[in-house]
Full PDB file with SEQRES, HELIX, SHEET, SSBOND, CRYST1, ORIGX, SCALE, CONECT and MASTER records, all heavy atoms in Angstrom:
SEQRES   1 A   38  ALA LEU GLY PHE SER GLU ASP SER LEU PRO VAL ALA ALA          
SEQRES   2 A   38  GLY LEU GLY LEU PRO VAL VAL LEU MET HIS ALA GLN GLY          
SEQRES   3 A   38  THR PRO GLU THR MET GLN ILE GLU PRO THR TYR ASP              
HELIX    1 AA1 SER A    8  LEU A   15  1                                   8    
CRYST1    1.000    1.000    1.000  90.00  90.00  90.00 P 1           1          
ORIGX1      1.000000  0.000000  0.000000        0.00000                         
ORIGX2      0.000000  1.000000  0.000000        0.00000                         
ORIGX3      0.000000  0.000000  1.000000        0.00000                         
SCALE1      1.000000  0.000000  0.000000        0.00000                         
SCALE2      0.000000  1.000000  0.000000        0.00000                         
SCALE3      0.000000  0.000000  1.000000        0.00000                         
ATOM      1  N   ALA A   1      14.258   3.320  -1.069  1.00  0.00           N  
ATOM      2  CA  ALA A   1      15.509   2.557  -0.819  1.00  0.00           C  
ATOM      3  C   ALA A   1      16.226   2.187  -2.113  1.00  0.00           C  
ATOM      4  O   ALA A   1      16.700   1.091  -2.256  1.00  0.00           O  
ATOM      5  CB  ALA A   1      15.198   1.359  -0.014  1.00  0.00           C  
ATOM      6  N   LEU A   2      16.341   3.074  -3.051  1.00  0.00           N  
ATOM      7  CA  LEU A   2      16.974   2.980  -4.290  1.00  0.00           C  
ATOM      8  C   LEU A   2      16.329   1.892  -5.173  1.00  0.00           C  
ATOM      9  O   LEU A   2      16.965   1.260  -5.997  1.00  0.00           O  
ATOM     10  CB  LEU A   2      18.472   2.653  -4.147  1.00  0.00           C  
ATOM     11  CG  LEU A   2      19.298   3.672  -3.430  1.00  0.00           C  
ATOM     12  CD1 LEU A   2      20.752   3.273  -3.294  1.00  0.00           C  
ATOM     13  CD2 LEU A   2      19.256   5.058  -4.120  1.00  0.00           C  
ATOM     14  N   GLY A   3      15.004   1.700  -4.973  1.00  0.00           N  
ATOM     15  CA  GLY A   3      14.320   0.711  -5.745  1.00  0.00           C  
ATOM     16  C   GLY A   3      13.329   1.257  -6.775  1.00  0.00           C  
ATOM     17  O   GLY A   3      12.728   0.456  -7.551  1.00  0.00           O  
ATOM     18  N   PHE A   4      13.215   2.596  -6.867  1.00  0.00           N  
ATOM     19  CA  PHE A   4      12.189   3.183  -7.789  1.00  0.00           C  
ATOM     20  C   PHE A   4      12.571   2.965  -9.242  1.00  0.00           C  
ATOM     21  O   PHE A   4      11.734   2.772 -10.100  1.00  0.00           O  
ATOM     22  CB  PHE A   4      12.040   4.628  -7.428  1.00  0.00           C  
ATOM     23  CG  PHE A   4      11.019   5.363  -8.351  1.00  0.00           C  
ATOM     24  CD1 PHE A   4       9.684   5.151  -8.198  1.00  0.00           C  
ATOM     25  CD2 PHE A   4      11.524   6.271  -9.256  1.00  0.00           C  
ATOM     26  CE1 PHE A   4       8.797   5.867  -9.052  1.00  0.00           C  
ATOM     27  CE2 PHE A   4      10.590   7.000 -10.101  1.00  0.00           C  
ATOM     28  CZ  PHE A   4       9.283   6.747  -9.961  1.00  0.00           C  
ATOM     29  N   SER A   5      13.903   3.126  -9.555  1.00  0.00           N  
ATOM     30  CA  SER A   5      14.367   3.054 -10.902  1.00  0.00           C  
ATOM     31  C   SER A   5      15.590   2.096 -10.918  1.00  0.00           C  
ATOM     32  O   SER A   5      16.358   2.003  -9.943  1.00  0.00           O  
ATOM     33  CB  SER A   5      14.867   4.433 -11.411  1.00  0.00           C  
ATOM     34  OG  SER A   5      15.669   4.330 -12.578  1.00  0.00           O  
ATOM     35  N   GLU A   6      15.739   1.353 -12.086  1.00  0.00           N  
ATOM     36  CA  GLU A   6      16.883   0.483 -12.204  1.00  0.00           C  
ATOM     37  C   GLU A   6      18.217   1.211 -12.262  1.00  0.00           C  
ATOM     38  O   GLU A   6      19.241   0.606 -12.021  1.00  0.00           O  
ATOM     39  CB  GLU A   6      16.690  -0.385 -13.458  1.00  0.00           C  
ATOM     40  CG  GLU A   6      16.690   0.371 -14.712  1.00  0.00           C  
ATOM     41  CD  GLU A   6      16.481  -0.513 -15.948  1.00  0.00           C  
ATOM     42  OE1 GLU A   6      16.096  -1.710 -15.805  1.00  0.00           O  
ATOM     43  OE2 GLU A   6      16.669   0.047 -17.085  1.00  0.00           O  
ATOM     44  N   ASP A   7      18.111   2.541 -12.445  1.00  0.00           N  
ATOM     45  CA  ASP A   7      19.327   3.303 -12.558  1.00  0.00           C  
ATOM     46  C   ASP A   7      19.725   3.862 -11.208  1.00  0.00           C  
ATOM     47  O   ASP A   7      20.841   4.428 -11.072  1.00  0.00           O  
ATOM     48  CB  ASP A   7      19.137   4.496 -13.529  1.00  0.00           C  
ATOM     49  CG  ASP A   7      18.975   4.071 -14.937  1.00  0.00           C  
ATOM     50  OD1 ASP A   7      19.591   3.056 -15.314  1.00  0.00           O  
ATOM     51  OD2 ASP A   7      18.259   4.743 -15.688  1.00  0.00           O  
ATOM     52  N   SER A   8      18.841   3.730 -10.192  1.00  0.00           N  
ATOM     53  CA  SER A   8      19.157   4.344  -8.928  1.00  0.00           C  
ATOM     54  C   SER A   8      20.447   3.807  -8.222  1.00  0.00           C  
ATOM     55  O   SER A   8      21.276   4.532  -7.710  1.00  0.00           O  
ATOM     56  CB  SER A   8      17.983   4.181  -7.945  1.00  0.00           C  
ATOM     57  OG  SER A   8      16.879   4.916  -8.482  1.00  0.00           O  
ATOM     58  N   LEU A   9      20.565   2.442  -8.208  1.00  0.00           N  
ATOM     59  CA  LEU A   9      21.698   1.852  -7.567  1.00  0.00           C  
ATOM     60  C   LEU A   9      23.043   2.237  -8.238  1.00  0.00           C  
ATOM     61  O   LEU A   9      23.977   2.704  -7.500  1.00  0.00           O  
ATOM     62  CB  LEU A   9      21.545   0.307  -7.586  1.00  0.00           C  
ATOM     63  CG  LEU A   9      20.662  -0.279  -6.442  1.00  0.00           C  
ATOM     64  CD1 LEU A   9      20.234  -1.670  -6.775  1.00  0.00           C  
ATOM     65  CD2 LEU A   9      21.359  -0.211  -5.108  1.00  0.00           C  
ATOM     66  N   PRO A  10      23.206   2.088  -9.542  1.00  0.00           N  
ATOM     67  CA  PRO A  10      24.483   2.498 -10.138  1.00  0.00           C  
ATOM     68  C   PRO A  10      24.749   4.016  -9.982  1.00  0.00           C  
ATOM     69  O   PRO A  10      25.874   4.372  -9.783  1.00  0.00           O  
ATOM     70  CB  PRO A  10      24.344   2.046 -11.584  1.00  0.00           C  
ATOM     71  CG  PRO A  10      22.922   1.833 -11.841  1.00  0.00           C  
ATOM     72  CD  PRO A  10      22.274   1.436 -10.570  1.00  0.00           C  
ATOM     73  N   VAL A  11      23.699   4.818 -10.089  1.00  0.00           N  
ATOM     74  CA  VAL A  11      23.887   6.243  -9.912  1.00  0.00           C  
ATOM     75  C   VAL A  11      24.389   6.568  -8.497  1.00  0.00           C  
ATOM     76  O   VAL A  11      25.368   7.313  -8.270  1.00  0.00           O  
ATOM     77  CB  VAL A  11      22.606   7.054 -10.255  1.00  0.00           C  
ATOM     78  CG1 VAL A  11      22.694   8.490  -9.733  1.00  0.00           C  
ATOM     79  CG2 VAL A  11      22.361   7.033 -11.777  1.00  0.00           C  
ATOM     80  N   ALA A  12      23.670   6.005  -7.497  1.00  0.00           N  
ATOM     81  CA  ALA A  12      24.141   6.272  -6.086  1.00  0.00           C  
ATOM     82  C   ALA A  12      25.503   5.703  -5.846  1.00  0.00           C  
ATOM     83  O   ALA A  12      26.332   6.429  -5.147  1.00  0.00           O  
ATOM     84  CB  ALA A  12      23.123   5.593  -5.157  1.00  0.00           C  
ATOM     85  N   ALA A  13      25.873   4.566  -6.425  1.00  0.00           N  
ATOM     86  CA  ALA A  13      27.202   4.034  -6.171  1.00  0.00           C  
ATOM     87  C   ALA A  13      28.220   4.937  -6.845  1.00  0.00           C  
ATOM     88  O   ALA A  13      29.366   5.203  -6.265  1.00  0.00           O  
ATOM     89  CB  ALA A  13      27.273   2.601  -6.847  1.00  0.00           C  
ATOM     90  N   GLY A  14      27.915   5.519  -8.001  1.00  0.00           N  
ATOM     91  CA  GLY A  14      28.838   6.380  -8.665  1.00  0.00           C  
ATOM     92  C   GLY A  14      29.044   7.723  -7.976  1.00  0.00           C  
ATOM     93  O   GLY A  14      30.120   8.288  -8.024  1.00  0.00           O  
ATOM     94  N   LEU A  15      28.012   8.209  -7.308  1.00  0.00           N  
ATOM     95  CA  LEU A  15      28.088   9.508  -6.685  1.00  0.00           C  
ATOM     96  C   LEU A  15      28.851   9.378  -5.403  1.00  0.00           C  
ATOM     97  O   LEU A  15      29.502  10.392  -4.958  1.00  0.00           O  
ATOM     98  CB  LEU A  15      26.660  10.053  -6.337  1.00  0.00           C  
ATOM     99  CG  LEU A  15      25.835  10.450  -7.595  1.00  0.00           C  
ATOM    100  CD1 LEU A  15      24.429  10.794  -7.146  1.00  0.00           C  
ATOM    101  CD2 LEU A  15      26.489  11.562  -8.347  1.00  0.00           C  
ATOM    102  N   GLY A  16      28.807   8.296  -4.747  1.00  0.00           N  
ATOM    103  CA  GLY A  16      29.574   8.074  -3.493  1.00  0.00           C  
ATOM    104  C   GLY A  16      29.092   8.867  -2.290  1.00  0.00           C  
ATOM    105  O   GLY A  16      29.876   9.152  -1.394  1.00  0.00           O  
ATOM    106  N   LEU A  17      27.815   9.272  -2.296  1.00  0.00           N  
ATOM    107  CA  LEU A  17      27.228  10.025  -1.189  1.00  0.00           C  
ATOM    108  C   LEU A  17      26.567   9.084  -0.246  1.00  0.00           C  
ATOM    109  O   LEU A  17      26.107   8.016  -0.607  1.00  0.00           O  
ATOM    110  CB  LEU A  17      26.202  11.024  -1.745  1.00  0.00           C  
ATOM    111  CG  LEU A  17      26.666  12.142  -2.634  1.00  0.00           C  
ATOM    112  CD1 LEU A  17      25.520  13.028  -3.063  1.00  0.00           C  
ATOM    113  CD2 LEU A  17      27.780  12.954  -1.962  1.00  0.00           C  
ATOM    114  N   PRO A  18      26.384   9.500   1.017  1.00  0.00           N  
ATOM    115  CA  PRO A  18      25.597   8.723   1.969  1.00  0.00           C  
ATOM    116  C   PRO A  18      24.172   8.587   1.455  1.00  0.00           C  
ATOM    117  O   PRO A  18      23.657   9.543   0.793  1.00  0.00           O  
ATOM    118  CB  PRO A  18      25.642   9.545   3.237  1.00  0.00           C  
ATOM    119  CG  PRO A  18      26.872  10.359   3.150  1.00  0.00           C  
ATOM    120  CD  PRO A  18      27.030  10.624   1.665  1.00  0.00           C  
ATOM    121  N   VAL A  19      23.530   7.463   1.750  1.00  0.00           N  
ATOM    122  CA  VAL A  19      22.168   7.216   1.220  1.00  0.00           C  
ATOM    123  C   VAL A  19      21.291   6.722   2.412  1.00  0.00           C  
ATOM    124  O   VAL A  19      21.717   5.753   3.080  1.00  0.00           O  
ATOM    125  CB  VAL A  19      22.188   6.134   0.146  1.00  0.00           C  
ATOM    126  CG1 VAL A  19      20.772   5.921  -0.412  1.00  0.00           C  
ATOM    127  CG2 VAL A  19      23.088   6.499  -1.019  1.00  0.00           C  
ATOM    128  N   VAL A  20      20.194   7.358   2.535  1.00  0.00           N  
ATOM    129  CA  VAL A  20      19.147   6.878   3.487  1.00  0.00           C  
ATOM    130  C   VAL A  20      18.208   5.934   2.754  1.00  0.00           C  
ATOM    131  O   VAL A  20      17.576   6.287   1.801  1.00  0.00           O  
ATOM    132  CB  VAL A  20      18.355   8.067   4.111  1.00  0.00           C  
ATOM    133  CG1 VAL A  20      17.341   7.471   5.062  1.00  0.00           C  
ATOM    134  CG2 VAL A  20      19.258   9.032   4.770  1.00  0.00           C  
ATOM    135  N   LEU A  21      18.185   4.710   3.301  1.00  0.00           N  
ATOM    136  CA  LEU A  21      17.312   3.638   2.735  1.00  0.00           C  
ATOM    137  C   LEU A  21      16.024   3.507   3.571  1.00  0.00           C  
ATOM    138  O   LEU A  21      16.157   3.096   4.744  1.00  0.00           O  
ATOM    139  CB  LEU A  21      18.025   2.330   2.620  1.00  0.00           C  
ATOM    140  CG  LEU A  21      19.311   2.242   1.908  1.00  0.00           C  
ATOM    141  CD1 LEU A  21      19.972   0.827   2.208  1.00  0.00           C  
ATOM    142  CD2 LEU A  21      19.205   2.507   0.439  1.00  0.00           C  
ATOM    143  N   MET A  22      14.894   3.904   3.047  1.00  0.00           N  
ATOM    144  CA  MET A  22      13.696   3.864   3.815  1.00  0.00           C  
ATOM    145  C   MET A  22      12.817   2.635   3.411  1.00  0.00           C  
ATOM    146  O   MET A  22      12.773   2.305   2.218  1.00  0.00           O  
ATOM    147  CB  MET A  22      12.854   5.117   3.649  1.00  0.00           C  
ATOM    148  CG  MET A  22      11.786   5.279   4.750  1.00  0.00           C  
ATOM    149  SD  MET A  22      10.525   6.480   4.344  1.00  0.00           S  
ATOM    150  CE  MET A  22       9.565   5.481   3.119  1.00  0.00           C  
ATOM    151  N   HIS A  23      12.223   2.040   4.430  1.00  0.00           N  
ATOM    152  CA  HIS A  23      11.297   0.923   4.086  1.00  0.00           C  
ATOM    153  C   HIS A  23       9.903   1.483   3.792  1.00  0.00           C  
ATOM    154  O   HIS A  23       9.410   2.343   4.518  1.00  0.00           O  
ATOM    155  CB  HIS A  23      11.189  -0.015   5.304  1.00  0.00           C  
ATOM    156  CG  HIS A  23      10.210  -1.166   5.077  1.00  0.00           C  
ATOM    157  ND1 HIS A  23       8.839  -0.959   5.323  1.00  0.00           N  
ATOM    158  CD2 HIS A  23      10.360  -2.402   4.595  1.00  0.00           C  
ATOM    159  CE1 HIS A  23       8.173  -2.115   4.990  1.00  0.00           C  
ATOM    160  NE2 HIS A  23       9.069  -3.020   4.527  1.00  0.00           N  
ATOM    161  N   ALA A  24       9.292   0.986   2.669  1.00  0.00           N  
ATOM    162  CA  ALA A  24       7.919   1.285   2.402  1.00  0.00           C  
ATOM    163  C   ALA A  24       7.289   0.047   1.814  1.00  0.00           C  
ATOM    164  O   ALA A  24       7.902  -0.641   0.988  1.00  0.00           O  
ATOM    165  CB  ALA A  24       7.814   2.440   1.448  1.00  0.00           C  
ATOM    166  N   GLN A  25       6.019  -0.229   2.232  1.00  0.00           N  
ATOM    167  CA  GLN A  25       5.276  -1.316   1.617  1.00  0.00           C  
ATOM    168  C   GLN A  25       4.362  -0.705   0.591  1.00  0.00           C  
ATOM    169  O   GLN A  25       3.450  -0.005   0.910  1.00  0.00           O  
ATOM    170  CB  GLN A  25       4.516  -2.082   2.685  1.00  0.00           C  
ATOM    171  CG  GLN A  25       3.800  -3.358   2.141  1.00  0.00           C  
ATOM    172  CD  GLN A  25       2.989  -4.093   3.108  1.00  0.00           C  
ATOM    173  OE1 GLN A  25       1.773  -3.814   3.336  1.00  0.00           O  
ATOM    174  NE2 GLN A  25       3.650  -4.947   3.912  1.00  0.00           N  
ATOM    175  N   GLY A  26       4.642  -1.018  -0.719  1.00  0.00           N  
ATOM    176  CA  GLY A  26       3.864  -0.381  -1.782  1.00  0.00           C  
ATOM    177  C   GLY A  26       4.413   0.973  -2.178  1.00  0.00           C  
ATOM    178  O   GLY A  26       5.517   1.310  -1.898  1.00  0.00           O  
ATOM    179  N   THR A  27       3.584   1.707  -2.944  1.00  0.00           N  
ATOM    180  CA  THR A  27       3.958   3.042  -3.398  1.00  0.00           C  
ATOM    181  C   THR A  27       3.126   4.064  -2.705  1.00  0.00           C  
ATOM    182  O   THR A  27       2.110   3.700  -2.046  1.00  0.00           O  
ATOM    183  CB  THR A  27       3.711   3.109  -4.918  1.00  0.00           C  
ATOM    184  OG1 THR A  27       2.296   3.017  -5.225  1.00  0.00           O  
ATOM    185  CG2 THR A  27       4.474   2.013  -5.688  1.00  0.00           C  
ATOM    186  N   PRO A  28       3.483   5.341  -2.736  1.00  0.00           N  
ATOM    187  CA  PRO A  28       2.609   6.369  -2.126  1.00  0.00           C  
ATOM    188  C   PRO A  28       1.124   6.312  -2.535  1.00  0.00           C  
ATOM    189  O   PRO A  28       0.235   6.497  -1.730  1.00  0.00           O  
ATOM    190  CB  PRO A  28       3.217   7.665  -2.582  1.00  0.00           C  
ATOM    191  CG  PRO A  28       4.700   7.296  -2.752  1.00  0.00           C  
ATOM    192  CD  PRO A  28       4.733   5.943  -3.307  1.00  0.00           C  
ATOM    193  N   GLU A  29       0.871   5.854  -3.830  1.00  0.00           N  
ATOM    194  CA  GLU A  29      -0.464   5.748  -4.250  1.00  0.00           C  
ATOM    195  C   GLU A  29      -1.291   4.704  -3.550  1.00  0.00           C  
ATOM    196  O   GLU A  29      -2.490   4.720  -3.365  1.00  0.00           O  
ATOM    197  CB  GLU A  29      -0.530   5.502  -5.766  1.00  0.00           C  
ATOM    198  CG  GLU A  29       0.009   6.710  -6.641  1.00  0.00           C  
ATOM    199  CD  GLU A  29       1.456   6.603  -6.953  1.00  0.00           C  
ATOM    200  OE1 GLU A  29       2.236   5.992  -6.179  1.00  0.00           O  
ATOM    201  OE2 GLU A  29       1.841   7.125  -7.982  1.00  0.00           O  
ATOM    202  N   THR A  30      -0.545   3.574  -3.191  1.00  0.00           N  
ATOM    203  CA  THR A  30      -1.244   2.361  -2.715  1.00  0.00           C  
ATOM    204  C   THR A  30      -0.932   1.934  -1.289  1.00  0.00           C  
ATOM    205  O   THR A  30      -1.582   1.049  -0.743  1.00  0.00           O  
ATOM    206  CB  THR A  30      -0.919   1.207  -3.651  1.00  0.00           C  
ATOM    207  OG1 THR A  30       0.485   0.909  -3.534  1.00  0.00           O  
ATOM    208  CG2 THR A  30      -1.227   1.496  -5.111  1.00  0.00           C  
ATOM    209  N   MET A  31       0.032   2.586  -0.680  1.00  0.00           N  
ATOM    210  CA  MET A  31       0.688   2.015   0.535  1.00  0.00           C  
ATOM    211  C   MET A  31      -0.235   1.903   1.763  1.00  0.00           C  
ATOM    212  O   MET A  31      -0.035   1.090   2.640  1.00  0.00           O  
ATOM    213  CB  MET A  31       1.995   2.806   0.920  1.00  0.00           C  
ATOM    214  CG  MET A  31       1.744   4.225   1.258  1.00  0.00           C  
ATOM    215  SD  MET A  31       3.329   5.101   1.469  1.00  0.00           S  
ATOM    216  CE  MET A  31       2.736   6.753   1.900  1.00  0.00           C  
ATOM    217  N   GLN A  32      -1.284   2.768   1.789  1.00  0.00           N  
ATOM    218  CA  GLN A  32      -2.185   2.752   2.941  1.00  0.00           C  
ATOM    219  C   GLN A  32      -3.439   1.928   2.727  1.00  0.00           C  
ATOM    220  O   GLN A  32      -4.399   1.969   3.498  1.00  0.00           O  
ATOM    221  CB  GLN A  32      -2.474   4.131   3.397  1.00  0.00           C  
ATOM    222  CG  GLN A  32      -1.306   4.834   3.985  1.00  0.00           C  
ATOM    223  CD  GLN A  32      -0.635   4.139   5.090  1.00  0.00           C  
ATOM    224  OE1 GLN A  32       0.570   3.726   4.906  1.00  0.00           O  
ATOM    225  NE2 GLN A  32      -1.271   3.940   6.225  1.00  0.00           N  
ATOM    226  N   ILE A  33      -3.428   1.138   1.639  1.00  0.00           N  
ATOM    227  CA  ILE A  33      -4.603   0.270   1.362  1.00  0.00           C  
ATOM    228  C   ILE A  33      -4.357  -1.064   1.995  1.00  0.00           C  
ATOM    229  O   ILE A  33      -3.726  -1.981   1.491  1.00  0.00           O  
ATOM    230  CB  ILE A  33      -4.838   0.073  -0.124  1.00  0.00           C  
ATOM    231  CG1 ILE A  33      -4.965   1.449  -0.821  1.00  0.00           C  
ATOM    232  CG2 ILE A  33      -5.978  -0.839  -0.374  1.00  0.00           C  
ATOM    233  CD1 ILE A  33      -5.068   1.367  -2.394  1.00  0.00           C  
ATOM    234  N   GLU A  34      -4.878  -1.215   3.267  1.00  0.00           N  
ATOM    235  CA  GLU A  34      -4.757  -2.428   4.069  1.00  0.00           C  
ATOM    236  C   GLU A  34      -3.407  -3.030   4.141  1.00  0.00           C  
ATOM    237  O   GLU A  34      -3.209  -4.192   3.714  1.00  0.00           O  
ATOM    238  CB  GLU A  34      -5.780  -3.421   3.535  1.00  0.00           C  
ATOM    239  CG  GLU A  34      -7.243  -3.002   3.587  1.00  0.00           C  
ATOM    240  CD  GLU A  34      -8.219  -4.076   3.175  1.00  0.00           C  
ATOM    241  OE1 GLU A  34      -7.785  -5.160   2.814  1.00  0.00           O  
ATOM    242  OE2 GLU A  34      -9.420  -3.720   3.124  1.00  0.00           O  
ATOM    243  N   PRO A  35      -2.421  -2.287   4.560  1.00  0.00           N  
ATOM    244  CA  PRO A  35      -1.032  -2.908   4.761  1.00  0.00           C  
ATOM    245  C   PRO A  35      -1.025  -3.983   5.770  1.00  0.00           C  
ATOM    246  O   PRO A  35      -1.682  -3.994   6.849  1.00  0.00           O  
ATOM    247  CB  PRO A  35      -0.171  -1.755   5.236  1.00  0.00           C  
ATOM    248  CG  PRO A  35      -1.120  -0.825   5.873  1.00  0.00           C  
ATOM    249  CD  PRO A  35      -2.420  -0.943   5.092  1.00  0.00           C  
ATOM    250  N   THR A  36      -0.307  -5.125   5.429  1.00  0.00           N  
ATOM    251  CA  THR A  36      -0.332  -6.313   6.360  1.00  0.00           C  
ATOM    252  C   THR A  36       1.106  -6.777   6.534  1.00  0.00           C  
ATOM    253  O   THR A  36       1.916  -6.689   5.568  1.00  0.00           O  
ATOM    254  CB  THR A  36      -1.209  -7.456   5.829  1.00  0.00           C  
ATOM    255  OG1 THR A  36      -0.725  -7.810   4.480  1.00  0.00           O  
ATOM    256  CG2 THR A  36      -2.643  -7.040   5.785  1.00  0.00           C  
ATOM    257  N   TYR A  37       1.427  -7.335   7.660  1.00  0.00           N  
ATOM    258  CA  TYR A  37       2.734  -7.934   7.961  1.00  0.00           C  
ATOM    259  C   TYR A  37       2.467  -9.203   8.799  1.00  0.00           C  
ATOM    260  O   TYR A  37       1.492  -9.273   9.502  1.00  0.00           O  
ATOM    261  CB  TYR A  37       3.590  -6.965   8.747  1.00  0.00           C  
ATOM    262  CG  TYR A  37       3.903  -5.697   8.040  1.00  0.00           C  
ATOM    263  CD1 TYR A  37       3.073  -4.602   8.044  1.00  0.00           C  
ATOM    264  CD2 TYR A  37       5.078  -5.571   7.256  1.00  0.00           C  
ATOM    265  CE1 TYR A  37       3.346  -3.414   7.370  1.00  0.00           C  
ATOM    266  CE2 TYR A  37       5.387  -4.412   6.561  1.00  0.00           C  
ATOM    267  CZ  TYR A  37       4.506  -3.340   6.632  1.00  0.00           C  
ATOM    268  OH  TYR A  37       4.798  -2.212   5.936  1.00  0.00           O  
ATOM    269  N   ASP A  38       3.406 -10.163   8.745  1.00  0.00           N  
ATOM    270  CA  ASP A  38       3.436 -11.227   9.679  1.00  0.00           C  
ATOM    271  C   ASP A  38       3.804 -10.709  11.061  1.00  0.00           C  
ATOM    272  O   ASP A  38       3.191 -11.046  12.042  1.00  0.00           O  
ATOM    273  CB  ASP A  38       4.359 -12.353   9.197  1.00  0.00           C  
ATOM    274  CG  ASP A  38       3.876 -13.017   7.937  1.00  0.00           C  
ATOM    275  OD1 ASP A  38       2.638 -13.120   7.777  1.00  0.00           O  
ATOM    276  OD2 ASP A  38       4.690 -13.504   7.156  1.00  0.00           O  
TER     277      ASP A  38                                                      
MASTER        0    0    0    1    0    0    0    6  276    1    0    3          
END                                                                             
């Protein structure tokens, strides 16, 4: 969701293309280690 790099937001804004923002808890390396939610 444009959160991986600090440059992602300004780059996407400058390109002016549609952006799919996906929700993920953690990173691919860690995301399935006991994910929890309220």
